[in-house]
Amino acid sequence: MNLPHQLATELVRVTELRCRYEGLRGMRQANPEPAITLMNLAISAGIEAFGSGDAAAMMDAVQQLKGFTD
């Protein structure tokens, strides 16, 4: 799998994960806001790196996005 494809795959995965976290809003025992904020930052960085075509930035973005797990 090439780097742009890896980045696109991770962007989709983390976006879907963020949606699940957003579903936790309003629950008394959960505070998903810090995780949602971090995901938003990583997604934005990934989109920017994808658009720039900068391989180093794309690799960094992939690694950041891979850090988010279910």
PDB file of N, CA and C in Angstrom:
ATOM      1  N   MET A   1       0.849  -1.169   0.000  1.00  0.00           N
ATOM      2  CA  MET A   1       0.000   0.000   0.000  1.00  0.00           C
ATOM      3  C   MET A   1       0.901   1.240   0.000  1.00  0.00           C
ATOM      4  N   ASN A   2       0.634   2.176  -0.895  1.00  0.00           N
ATOM      5  CA  ASN A   2       1.482   3.365  -0.966  1.00  0.00           C
ATOM      6  C   ASN A   2       1.064   4.388   0.094  1.00  0.00           C
ATOM      7  N   LEU A   3       1.909   5.361   0.288  1.00  0.00           N
ATOM      8  CA  LEU A   3       1.723   6.328   1.371  1.00  0.00           C
ATOM      9  C   LEU A   3       0.422   7.129   1.252  1.00  0.00           C
ATOM     10  N   PRO A   4       0.081   7.682   0.094  1.00  0.00           N
ATOM     11  CA  PRO A   4      -1.195   8.406   0.018  1.00  0.00           C
ATOM     12  C   PRO A   4      -2.403   7.513   0.336  1.00  0.00           C
ATOM     13  N   HIS A   5      -2.348   6.264  -0.099  1.00  0.00           N
ATOM     14  CA  HIS A   5      -3.451   5.341   0.190  1.00  0.00           C
ATOM     15  C   HIS A   5      -3.518   5.041   1.684  1.00  0.00           C
ATOM     16  N   GLN A   6      -2.368   4.839   2.305  1.00  0.00           N
ATOM     17  CA  GLN A   6      -2.324   4.608   3.759  1.00  0.00           C
ATOM     18  C   GLN A   6      -2.929   5.784   4.504  1.00  0.00           C
ATOM     19  N   LEU A   7      -2.552   6.987   4.089  1.00  0.00           N
ATOM     20  CA  LEU A   7      -3.054   8.185   4.758  1.00  0.00           C
ATOM     21  C   LEU A   7      -4.563   8.300   4.580  1.00  0.00           C
ATOM     22  N   ALA A   8      -5.035   8.068   3.372  1.00  0.00           N
ATOM     23  CA  ALA A   8      -6.487   8.139   3.125  1.00  0.00           C
ATOM     24  C   ALA A   8      -7.232   7.113   3.978  1.00  0.00           C
ATOM     25  N   THR A   9      -6.688   5.910   4.073  1.00  0.00           N
ATOM     26  CA  THR A   9      -7.311   4.856   4.870  1.00  0.00           C
ATOM     27  C   THR A   9      -7.381   5.255   6.342  1.00  0.00           C
ATOM     28  N   GLU A  10      -6.297   5.807   6.855  1.00  0.00           N
ATOM     29  CA  GLU A  10      -6.266   6.229   8.260  1.00  0.00           C
ATOM     30  C   GLU A  10      -7.197   7.410   8.506  1.00  0.00           C
ATOM     31  N   LEU A  11      -7.293   8.324   7.547  1.00  0.00           N
ATOM     32  CA  LEU A  11      -8.205   9.452   7.698  1.00  0.00           C
ATOM     33  C   LEU A  11      -9.651   8.972   7.813  1.00  0.00           C
ATOM     34  N   VAL A  12     -10.016   8.024   6.980  1.00  0.00           N
ATOM     35  CA  VAL A  12     -11.377   7.477   7.030  1.00  0.00           C
ATOM     36  C   VAL A  12     -11.609   6.755   8.353  1.00  0.00           C
ATOM     37  N   ARG A  13     -10.648   5.938   8.766  1.00  0.00           N
ATOM     38  CA  ARG A  13     -10.802   5.164   9.999  1.00  0.00           C
ATOM     39  C   ARG A  13     -10.967   6.070  11.216  1.00  0.00           C
ATOM     40  N   VAL A  14     -10.115   7.090  11.319  1.00  0.00           N
ATOM     41  CA  VAL A  14     -10.166   7.961  12.492  1.00  0.00           C
ATOM     42  C   VAL A  14     -11.405   8.860  12.446  1.00  0.00           C
ATOM     43  N   THR A  15     -11.839   9.236  11.262  1.00  0.00           N
ATOM     44  CA  THR A  15     -13.076  10.012  11.147  1.00  0.00           C
ATOM     45  C   THR A  15     -14.258   9.194  11.656  1.00  0.00           C
ATOM     46  N   GLU A  16     -14.299   7.921  11.305  1.00  0.00           N
ATOM     47  CA  GLU A  16     -15.366   7.041  11.798  1.00  0.00           C
ATOM     48  C   GLU A  16     -15.259   6.847  13.309  1.00  0.00           C
ATOM     49  N   LEU A  17     -14.044   6.713  13.811  1.00  0.00           N
ATOM     50  CA  LEU A  17     -13.842   6.574  15.252  1.00  0.00           C
ATOM     51  C   LEU A  17     -14.298   7.839  15.983  1.00  0.00           C
ATOM     52  N   ARG A  18     -13.983   8.990  15.406  1.00  0.00           N
ATOM     53  CA  ARG A  18     -14.411  10.258  16.011  1.00  0.00           C
ATOM     54  C   ARG A  18     -15.936  10.319  16.108  1.00  0.00           C
ATOM     55  N   CYS A  19     -16.617   9.835  15.096  1.00  0.00           N
ATOM     56  CA  CYS A  19     -18.089   9.813  15.122  1.00  0.00           C
ATOM     57  C   CYS A  19     -18.603   8.971  16.279  1.00  0.00           C
ATOM     58  N   ARG A  20     -17.943   7.851  16.537  1.00  0.00           N
ATOM     59  CA  ARG A  20     -18.356   7.011  17.677  1.00  0.00           C
ATOM     60  C   ARG A  20     -18.131   7.746  18.992  1.00  0.00           C
ATOM     61  N   TYR A  21     -17.003   8.452  19.096  1.00  0.00           N
ATOM     62  CA  TYR A  21     -16.725   9.221  20.307  1.00  0.00           C
ATOM     63  C   TYR A  21     -17.739  10.343  20.476  1.00  0.00           C
ATOM     64  N   GLU A  22     -18.121  10.973  19.366  1.00  0.00           N
ATOM     65  CA  GLU A  22     -19.112  12.035  19.445  1.00  0.00           C
ATOM     66  C   GLU A  22     -20.442  11.505  19.971  1.00  0.00           C
ATOM     67  N   GLY A  23     -20.721  10.244  19.732  1.00  0.00           N
ATOM     68  CA  GLY A  23     -21.925   9.619  20.250  1.00  0.00           C
ATOM     69  C   GLY A  23     -21.922   9.480  21.764  1.00  0.00           C
ATOM     70  N   LEU A  24     -20.763   9.611  22.368  1.00  0.00           N
ATOM     71  CA  LEU A  24     -20.653   9.516  23.835  1.00  0.00           C
ATOM     72  C   LEU A  24     -20.934  10.837  24.533  1.00  0.00           C
ATOM     73  N   ARG A  25     -21.042  11.905  23.767  1.00  0.00           N
ATOM     74  CA  ARG A  25     -21.318  13.206  24.377  1.00  0.00           C
ATOM     75  C   ARG A  25     -22.623  13.147  25.158  1.00  0.00           C
ATOM     76  N   GLY A  26     -22.615  13.777  26.317  1.00  0.00           N
ATOM     77  CA  GLY A  26     -23.816  13.828  27.139  1.00  0.00           C
ATOM     78  C   GLY A  26     -23.914  12.699  28.150  1.00  0.00           C
ATOM     79  N   MET A  27     -23.057  11.702  28.021  1.00  0.00           N
ATOM     80  CA  MET A  27     -23.072  10.618  29.011  1.00  0.00           C
ATOM     81  C   MET A  27     -22.328  11.099  30.249  1.00  0.00           C
ATOM     82  N   ARG A  28     -22.895  10.835  31.390  1.00  0.00           N
ATOM     83  CA  ARG A  28     -22.298  11.309  32.638  1.00  0.00           C
ATOM     84  C   ARG A  28     -20.916  10.720  32.908  1.00  0.00           C
ATOM     85  N   GLN A  29     -20.737   9.472  32.542  1.00  0.00           N
ATOM     86  CA  GLN A  29     -19.495   8.783  32.900  1.00  0.00           C
ATOM     87  C   GLN A  29     -18.414   8.891  31.841  1.00  0.00           C
ATOM     88  N   ALA A  30     -18.654   9.644  30.783  1.00  0.00           N
ATOM     89  CA  ALA A  30     -17.670   9.745  29.705  1.00  0.00           C
ATOM     90  C   ALA A  30     -17.397  11.214  29.397  1.00  0.00           C
ATOM     91  N   ASN A  31     -16.149  11.498  29.131  1.00  0.00           N
ATOM     92  CA  ASN A  31     -15.754  12.830  28.685  1.00  0.00           C
ATOM     93  C   ASN A  31     -14.921  12.656  27.417  1.00  0.00           C
ATOM     94  N   PRO A  32     -15.579  12.565  26.266  1.00  0.00           N
ATOM     95  CA  PRO A  32     -14.848  12.305  25.034  1.00  0.00           C
ATOM     96  C   PRO A  32     -14.209  13.543  24.412  1.00  0.00           C
ATOM     97  N   GLU A  33     -14.468  14.720  24.948  1.00  0.00           N
ATOM     98  CA  GLU A  33     -14.014  15.961  24.302  1.00  0.00           C
ATOM     99  C   GLU A  33     -12.502  16.040  24.069  1.00  0.00           C
ATOM    100  N   PRO A  34     -11.649  15.663  25.047  1.00  0.00           N
ATOM    101  CA  PRO A  34     -10.212  15.732  24.764  1.00  0.00           C
ATOM    102  C   PRO A  34      -9.801  14.829  23.591  1.00  0.00           C
ATOM    103  N   ALA A  35     -10.349  13.639  23.537  1.00  0.00           N
ATOM    104  CA  ALA A  35     -10.011  12.723  22.447  1.00  0.00           C
ATOM    105  C   ALA A  35     -10.530  13.246  21.115  1.00  0.00           C
ATOM    106  N   ILE A  36     -11.736  13.802  21.109  1.00  0.00           N
ATOM    107  CA  ILE A  36     -12.301  14.358  19.878  1.00  0.00           C
ATOM    108  C   ILE A  36     -11.443  15.512  19.378  1.00  0.00           C
ATOM    109  N   THR A  37     -11.002  16.357  20.287  1.00  0.00           N
ATOM    110  CA  THR A  37     -10.150  17.485  19.909  1.00  0.00           C
ATOM    111  C   THR A  37      -8.843  17.001  19.289  1.00  0.00           C
ATOM    112  N   LEU A  38      -8.218  16.002  19.902  1.00  0.00           N
ATOM    113  CA  LEU A  38      -6.969  15.465  19.365  1.00  0.00           C
ATOM    114  C   LEU A  38      -7.180  14.811  18.001  1.00  0.00           C
ATOM    115  N   MET A  39      -8.294  14.110  17.853  1.00  0.00           N
ATOM    116  CA  MET A  39      -8.600  13.506  16.554  1.00  0.00           C
ATOM    117  C   MET A  39      -8.809  14.577  15.497  1.00  0.00           C
ATOM    118  N   ASN A  40      -9.521  15.646  15.845  1.00  0.00           N
ATOM    119  CA  ASN A  40      -9.728  16.739  14.897  1.00  0.00           C
ATOM    120  C   ASN A  40      -8.407  17.342  14.441  1.00  0.00           C
ATOM    121  N   LEU A  41      -7.491  17.540  15.374  1.00  0.00           N
ATOM    122  CA  LEU A  41      -6.178  18.086  15.030  1.00  0.00           C
ATOM    123  C   LEU A  41      -5.409  17.146  14.103  1.00  0.00           C
ATOM    124  N   ALA A  42      -5.429  15.856  14.412  1.00  0.00           N
ATOM    125  CA  ALA A  42      -4.711  14.874  13.594  1.00  0.00           C
ATOM    126  C   ALA A  42      -5.343  14.749  12.210  1.00  0.00           C
ATOM    127  N   ILE A  43      -6.666  14.784  12.142  1.00  0.00           N
ATOM    128  CA  ILE A  43      -7.354  14.701  10.855  1.00  0.00           C
ATOM    129  C   ILE A  43      -7.010  15.925  10.010  1.00  0.00           C
ATOM    130  N   SER A  44      -7.041  17.093  10.617  1.00  0.00           N
ATOM    131  CA  SER A  44      -6.697  18.318   9.887  1.00  0.00           C
ATOM    132  C   SER A  44      -5.265  18.272   9.365  1.00  0.00           C
ATOM    133  N   ALA A  45      -4.345  17.813  10.204  1.00  0.00           N
ATOM    134  CA  ALA A  45      -2.948  17.694   9.777  1.00  0.00           C
ATOM    135  C   ALA A  45      -2.819  16.690   8.640  1.00  0.00           C
ATOM    136  N   GLY A  46      -3.561  15.607   8.710  1.00  0.00           N
ATOM    137  CA  GLY A  46      -3.518  14.600   7.653  1.00  0.00           C
ATOM    138  C   GLY A  46      -4.048  15.125   6.336  1.00  0.00           C
ATOM    139  N   ILE A  47      -5.131  15.878   6.394  1.00  0.00           N
ATOM    140  CA  ILE A  47      -5.701  16.451   5.174  1.00  0.00           C
ATOM    141  C   ILE A  47      -4.726  17.453   4.562  1.00  0.00           C
ATOM    142  N   GLU A  48      -4.119  18.263   5.407  1.00  0.00           N
ATOM    143  CA  GLU A  48      -3.145  19.242   4.922  1.00  0.00           C
ATOM    144  C   GLU A  48      -1.942  18.544   4.291  1.00  0.00           C
ATOM    145  N   ALA A  49      -1.452  17.499   4.943  1.00  0.00           N
ATOM    146  CA  ALA A  49      -0.304  16.759   4.407  1.00  0.00           C
ATOM    147  C   ALA A  49      -0.661  16.093   3.091  1.00  0.00           C
ATOM    148  N   PHE A  50      -1.852  15.537   3.006  1.00  0.00           N
ATOM    149  CA  PHE A  50      -2.303  14.884   1.778  1.00  0.00           C
ATOM    150  C   PHE A  50      -2.334  15.887   0.634  1.00  0.00           C
ATOM    151  N   GLY A  51      -2.854  17.063   0.913  1.00  0.00           N
ATOM    152  CA  GLY A  51      -2.957  18.103  -0.106  1.00  0.00           C
ATOM    153  C   GLY A  51      -1.619  18.646  -0.547  1.00  0.00           C
ATOM    154  N   SER A  52      -0.665  18.683   0.369  1.00  0.00           N
ATOM    155  CA  SER A  52       0.647  19.243   0.040  1.00  0.00           C
ATOM    156  C   SER A  52       1.519  18.264  -0.736  1.00  0.00           C
ATOM    157  N   GLY A  53       1.253  16.975  -0.553  1.00  0.00           N
ATOM    158  CA  GLY A  53       2.090  15.966  -1.204  1.00  0.00           C
ATOM    159  C   GLY A  53       3.437  15.772  -0.531  1.00  0.00           C
ATOM    160  N   ASP A  54       3.654  16.398   0.612  1.00  0.00           N
ATOM    161  CA  ASP A  54       4.906  16.286   1.363  1.00  0.00           C
ATOM    162  C   ASP A  54       4.971  14.905   2.018  1.00  0.00           C
ATOM    163  N   ALA A  55       5.891  14.076   1.548  1.00  0.00           N
ATOM    164  CA  ALA A  55       5.978  12.692   2.022  1.00  0.00           C
ATOM    165  C   ALA A  55       6.268  12.616   3.520  1.00  0.00           C
ATOM    166  N   ALA A  56       7.145  13.469   4.012  1.00  0.00           N
ATOM    167  CA  ALA A  56       7.481  13.447   5.439  1.00  0.00           C
ATOM    168  C   ALA A  56       6.256  13.812   6.284  1.00  0.00           C
ATOM    169  N   ALA A  57       5.515  14.823   5.851  1.00  0.00           N
ATOM    170  CA  ALA A  57       4.311  15.231   6.580  1.00  0.00           C
ATOM    171  C   ALA A  57       3.254  14.136   6.516  1.00  0.00           C
ATOM    172  N   MET A  58       3.158  13.453   5.373  1.00  0.00           N
ATOM    173  CA  MET A  58       2.181  12.367   5.253  1.00  0.00           C
ATOM    174  C   MET A  58       2.555  11.211   6.168  1.00  0.00           C
ATOM    175  N   MET A  59       3.838  10.866   6.251  1.00  0.00           N
ATOM    176  CA  MET A  59       4.265   9.783   7.147  1.00  0.00           C
ATOM    177  C   MET A  59       3.978  10.144   8.596  1.00  0.00           C
ATOM    178  N   ASP A  60       4.251  11.385   8.963  1.00  0.00           N
ATOM    179  CA  ASP A  60       3.969  11.841  10.324  1.00  0.00           C
ATOM    180  C   ASP A  60       2.475  11.761  10.617  1.00  0.00           C
ATOM    181  N   ALA A  61       1.664  12.198   9.671  1.00  0.00           N
ATOM    182  CA  ALA A  61       0.207  12.169   9.846  1.00  0.00           C
ATOM    183  C   ALA A  61      -0.297  10.733   9.998  1.00  0.00           C
ATOM    184  N   VAL A  62       0.225   9.814   9.196  1.00  0.00           N
ATOM    185  CA  VAL A  62      -0.186   8.409   9.301  1.00  0.00           C
ATOM    186  C   VAL A  62       0.132   7.889  10.700  1.00  0.00           C
ATOM    187  N   GLN A  63       1.320   8.204  11.202  1.00  0.00           N
ATOM    188  CA  GLN A  63       1.700   7.727  12.535  1.00  0.00           C
ATOM    189  C   GLN A  63       0.814   8.327  13.616  1.00  0.00           C
ATOM    190  N   GLN A  64       0.494   9.609  13.493  1.00  0.00           N
ATOM    191  CA  GLN A  64      -0.400  10.242  14.473  1.00  0.00           C
ATOM    192  C   GLN A  64      -1.774   9.568  14.446  1.00  0.00           C
ATOM    193  N   LEU A  65      -2.292   9.350  13.269  1.00  0.00           N
ATOM    194  CA  LEU A  65      -3.619   8.765  13.132  1.00  0.00           C
ATOM    195  C   LEU A  65      -3.660   7.327  13.629  1.00  0.00           C
ATOM    196  N   LYS A  66      -2.585   6.577  13.405  1.00  0.00           N
ATOM    197  CA  LYS A  66      -2.535   5.184  13.872  1.00  0.00           C
ATOM    198  C   LYS A  66      -2.574   5.094  15.396  1.00  0.00           C
ATOM    199  N   GLY A  67      -2.228   6.188  16.065  1.00  0.00           N
ATOM    200  CA  GLY A  67      -2.243   6.210  17.529  1.00  0.00           C
ATOM    201  C   GLY A  67      -3.635   6.156  18.127  1.00  0.00           C
ATOM    202  N   PHE A  68      -4.656   6.408  17.319  1.00  0.00           N
ATOM    203  CA  PHE A  68      -6.027   6.368  17.820  1.00  0.00           C
ATOM    204  C   PHE A  68      -6.592   4.973  17.610  1.00  0.00           C
ATOM    205  N   THR A  69      -6.971   4.355  18.704  1.00  0.00           N
ATOM    206  CA  THR A  69      -7.488   2.988  18.647  1.00  0.00           C
ATOM    207  C   THR A  69      -8.860   2.932  19.281  1.00  0.00           C
ATOM    208  N   ASP A  70      -9.572   1.876  18.976  1.00  0.00           N
ATOM    209  CA  ASP A  70     -10.929   1.715  19.506  1.00  0.00           C
ATOM    210  C   ASP A  70     -10.897   1.447  20.985  1.00  0.00           C
TER     211      ASP A  70
END
